[in-house]
Amino acid sequence: MEDDFGTLFKSIRACTDCGERFAQTKTSHQPNPIFQVSSSARLCIAGQAPGLRAHTSGKPFTDPSGVRLRQWMGIDETAFYDAEKLAIAPMAFCFPGYNAKGHDLPPPPQCAKRWRNDLFRALPQIELIVTVGKPALAWHRPDMKAKLLGEAVAGGIVDDGKIPVLPLPHPSWRNNAWLKGNPWFETDILPVLRAEVARLVR
């Protein structure tokens, strides 16, 4: 099992499938798969795709969104970047580039189609997936795809016999207005998140 895990890990790290696509973006960058997994982590953060700062640093969530996410979770960088305790598996492993308005492009769907099922089969010990944003929620809970993200987040942990999922909004500054208009997220959802982090990571 460890050999299979190591082979999959190396294959994802070496993936260049989207190289031509990335070369045509404004940043004209090369593939740089960024993720954090181990055979012991029990909690997984499923985000969208690395941003430019993460692409440059080689570490996920090395940006203001990561600062806010860690605040939501109630942990510091040491715990967050401990692969033995916390897995981070975005829907696309590489920075997708910018659109004409300078916003991150959506995660290329072929990344998840190629790698995601194999990756989670190699991570049977995961007890909770925290989805960050709608693409990850739609993949891990396709039955909730049609729901508004706020409605999904308000429902808390979804546990129907599969790996339980806790939906979160994206911690980007672009969601500041949503966060301000939905104070229940801080009072009702964050305590649940922090309790699960304390149980699975600390």
Protein backbone atom coordinates (compact mmCIF):
# COMPACT_ATOMS: atom_id res chain seq x y z
CA MET A 1 0.00 0.00 0.00
CA GLU A 2 2.81 2.41 0.88
CA ASP A 3 4.53 1.61 -2.44
CA ASP A 4 1.31 2.33 -4.34
CA PHE A 5 0.86 5.58 -2.41
CA GLY A 6 4.42 6.64 -3.16
CA THR A 7 4.03 5.85 -6.86
CA LEU A 8 0.81 7.88 -7.09
CA PHE A 9 2.40 10.76 -5.17
CA LYS A 10 5.35 10.88 -7.59
CA SER A 11 3.06 10.62 -10.63
CA ILE A 12 0.99 13.59 -9.53
CA ARG A 13 4.12 15.62 -8.76
CA ALA A 14 5.43 14.90 -12.26
CA CYS A 15 2.16 15.66 -14.10
CA THR A 16 2.46 18.16 -16.98
CA ASP A 17 -0.89 17.53 -18.67
CA CYS A 18 -1.93 21.19 -18.59
CA GLY A 19 1.40 22.65 -19.69
CA GLU A 20 0.13 23.85 -23.06
CA ARG A 21 -2.97 25.40 -21.44
CA PHE A 22 -0.88 27.27 -18.85
CA ALA A 23 1.56 28.51 -21.49
CA GLN A 24 -1.33 30.34 -23.15
CA THR A 25 -2.37 32.24 -20.02
CA LYS A 26 -1.26 35.74 -19.07
CA THR A 27 1.36 34.35 -16.69
CA SER A 28 2.65 31.77 -19.21
CA HIS A 29 3.73 29.48 -16.37
CA GLN A 30 4.72 25.84 -16.13
CA PRO A 31 2.79 23.15 -14.22
CA ASN A 32 3.71 22.93 -10.54
CA PRO A 33 1.42 20.47 -8.72
CA ILE A 34 0.92 21.57 -5.12
CA PHE A 35 -0.73 19.35 -2.54
CA GLN A 36 -0.08 17.88 0.89
CA VAL A 37 -1.00 14.28 1.70
CA SER A 38 0.11 11.35 3.81
CA SER A 39 -1.15 7.92 4.80
CA SER A 40 -1.87 9.14 8.34
CA ALA A 41 -3.72 12.47 7.98
CA ARG A 42 -7.35 12.14 9.08
CA LEU A 43 -8.58 15.58 7.97
CA CYS A 44 -8.48 16.83 4.37
CA ILE A 45 -8.90 20.38 3.08
CA ALA A 46 -10.34 20.23 -0.44
CA GLY A 47 -9.90 23.62 -2.08
CA GLN A 48 -10.13 24.91 -5.65
CA ALA A 49 -6.59 25.39 -7.01
CA PRO A 50 -3.38 27.06 -5.84
CA GLY A 51 -3.04 30.79 -6.42
CA LEU A 52 0.00 32.53 -7.84
CA ARG A 53 1.62 32.96 -4.41
CA ALA A 54 1.26 29.25 -3.70
CA HIS A 55 2.61 28.48 -7.17
CA THR A 56 5.67 30.58 -6.38
CA SER A 57 6.22 29.24 -2.86
CA GLY A 58 5.38 25.62 -3.63
CA LYS A 59 3.12 25.47 -0.54
CA PRO A 60 -0.69 25.60 -0.48
CA PHE A 61 -2.53 28.60 0.97
CA THR A 62 0.51 30.87 1.35
CA ASP A 63 -1.65 33.96 0.92
CA PRO A 64 -4.21 36.03 2.86
CA SER A 65 -6.86 33.36 2.16
CA GLY A 66 -4.65 30.86 3.94
CA VAL A 67 -4.26 33.20 6.92
CA ARG A 68 -8.02 33.49 7.24
CA LEU A 69 -8.55 29.74 6.75
CA ARG A 70 -6.12 28.97 9.58
CA GLN A 71 -7.91 31.50 11.78
CA TRP A 72 -11.22 29.78 11.00
CA MET A 73 -9.67 26.42 11.90
CA GLY A 74 -8.00 27.72 15.05
CA ILE A 75 -4.53 26.38 14.21
CA ASP A 76 -1.13 27.84 13.39
CA GLU A 77 1.11 27.28 10.37
CA THR A 78 3.04 24.48 12.07
CA ALA A 79 -0.09 22.36 12.48
CA PHE A 80 -1.52 23.39 9.11
CA TYR A 81 1.57 22.30 7.19
CA ASP A 82 2.03 19.03 9.09
CA ALA A 83 1.27 16.52 6.32
CA GLU A 84 1.13 13.67 8.81
CA LYS A 85 -1.94 15.27 10.39
CA LEU A 86 -3.56 17.39 7.68
CA ALA A 87 -4.05 16.65 3.98
CA ILE A 88 -4.60 19.44 1.44
CA ALA A 89 -5.94 18.31 -1.94
CA PRO A 90 -7.29 21.03 -4.24
CA MET A 91 -9.55 20.22 -7.17
CA ALA A 92 -6.68 21.13 -9.50
CA PHE A 93 -3.14 20.75 -8.24
CA CYS A 94 -1.63 23.60 -10.30
CA PHE A 95 -2.21 27.34 -10.47
CA PRO A 96 -4.59 27.72 -13.46
CA GLY A 97 -3.55 31.27 -14.43
CA TYR A 98 -5.53 34.51 -14.71
CA ASN A 99 -8.47 35.52 -16.88
CA ALA A 100 -8.66 38.84 -18.74
CA LYS A 101 -9.81 40.61 -15.55
CA GLY A 102 -6.87 39.33 -13.51
CA HIS A 103 -8.93 36.80 -11.54
CA ASP A 104 -7.88 33.19 -11.06
CA LEU A 105 -9.21 30.88 -13.75
CA PRO A 106 -11.37 27.96 -12.55
CA PRO A 107 -9.70 24.63 -11.84
CA PRO A 108 -9.18 22.67 -15.10
CA PRO A 109 -11.62 19.74 -14.79
CA GLN A 110 -9.28 17.18 -16.33
CA CYS A 111 -7.05 17.30 -13.23
CA ALA A 112 -9.76 15.93 -10.94
CA LYS A 113 -10.93 13.48 -13.59
CA ARG A 114 -7.45 12.00 -13.90
CA TRP A 115 -6.25 11.99 -10.29
CA ARG A 116 -8.94 12.52 -7.68
CA ASN A 117 -10.56 9.09 -7.40
CA ASP A 118 -7.17 7.37 -7.24
CA LEU A 119 -5.93 9.85 -4.64
CA PHE A 120 -8.82 9.31 -2.25
CA ARG A 121 -8.67 5.55 -2.70
CA ALA A 122 -5.09 5.90 -1.45
CA LEU A 123 -6.31 7.89 1.58
CA PRO A 124 -8.81 5.53 3.27
CA GLN A 125 -7.99 6.97 6.70
CA ILE A 126 -9.57 10.37 5.96
CA GLU A 127 -12.44 10.95 8.40
CA LEU A 128 -13.60 14.42 7.28
CA ILE A 129 -13.27 16.49 4.11
CA VAL A 130 -13.57 20.25 4.54
CA THR A 131 -14.57 21.65 1.15
CA VAL A 132 -13.50 25.22 0.44
CA GLY A 133 -15.70 26.76 -2.24
CA LYS A 134 -18.22 25.25 -4.63
CA PRO A 135 -16.07 23.18 -7.06
CA ALA A 136 -14.86 20.88 -4.27
CA LEU A 137 -18.34 20.62 -2.77
CA ALA A 138 -19.82 19.71 -6.19
CA TRP A 139 -17.23 16.94 -6.62
CA HIS A 140 -17.44 15.41 -3.17
CA ARG A 141 -21.19 15.89 -2.80
CA PRO A 142 -22.70 15.99 -6.31
CA ASP A 143 -26.17 15.74 -4.74
CA MET A 144 -25.58 19.24 -3.32
CA LYS A 145 -24.35 20.74 -6.59
CA ALA A 146 -27.60 22.59 -7.25
CA LYS A 147 -27.70 24.16 -3.79
CA LEU A 148 -26.55 27.69 -3.15
CA LEU A 149 -23.22 27.59 -1.32
CA GLY A 150 -24.63 29.51 1.64
CA GLU A 151 -27.40 26.94 2.04
CA ALA A 152 -24.88 24.10 1.93
CA VAL A 153 -22.61 25.81 4.47
CA ALA A 154 -25.52 26.47 6.82
CA GLY A 155 -26.31 22.75 6.89
CA GLY A 156 -23.02 21.92 8.62
CA ILE A 157 -21.47 18.46 8.35
CA VAL A 158 -23.01 16.17 5.75
CA ASP A 159 -22.68 12.54 6.83
CA ASP A 160 -24.58 10.00 4.76
CA GLY A 161 -22.36 6.96 5.05
CA LYS A 162 -19.58 8.28 2.82
CA ILE A 163 -16.67 10.38 4.03
CA PRO A 164 -18.36 13.22 5.97
CA VAL A 165 -18.06 16.67 4.37
CA LEU A 166 -18.08 20.10 6.02
CA PRO A 167 -18.70 22.83 3.40
CA LEU A 168 -17.05 26.22 3.82
CA PRO A 169 -17.11 29.37 1.69
CA HIS A 170 -13.80 30.39 0.18
CA PRO A 171 -11.80 32.52 2.66
CA SER A 172 -10.95 35.06 -0.06
CA TRP A 173 -11.42 38.77 0.62
CA ARG A 174 -13.96 38.67 -2.24
CA ASN A 175 -16.33 36.96 0.21
CA ASN A 176 -16.08 39.69 2.86
CA ALA A 177 -19.57 41.00 2.04
CA TRP A 178 -21.04 37.49 2.30
CA LEU A 179 -19.32 36.88 5.63
CA LYS A 180 -20.54 40.21 6.99
CA GLY A 181 -24.09 39.47 5.87
CA ASN A 182 -24.13 35.96 7.37
CA PRO A 183 -22.95 36.27 10.99
CA TRP A 184 -24.28 32.76 11.71
CA PHE A 185 -21.22 31.39 9.92
CA GLU A 186 -18.97 32.62 12.73
CA THR A 187 -21.32 31.75 15.58
CA ASP A 188 -22.67 28.39 14.33
CA ILE A 189 -20.25 26.87 11.82
CA LEU A 190 -16.78 27.88 13.00
CA PRO A 191 -17.20 26.19 16.41
CA VAL A 192 -18.05 22.95 14.59
CA LEU A 193 -15.01 23.34 12.34
CA ARG A 194 -12.67 24.06 15.25
CA ALA A 195 -14.00 21.12 17.25
CA GLU A 196 -13.34 18.77 14.32
CA VAL A 197 -9.87 20.22 13.80
CA ALA A 198 -9.11 19.73 17.48
CA ARG A 199 -10.32 16.13 17.29
CA LEU A 200 -8.51 15.15 14.10
CA VAL A 201 -5.39 17.33 13.94
CA ARG A 202 -4.24 18.35 17.42
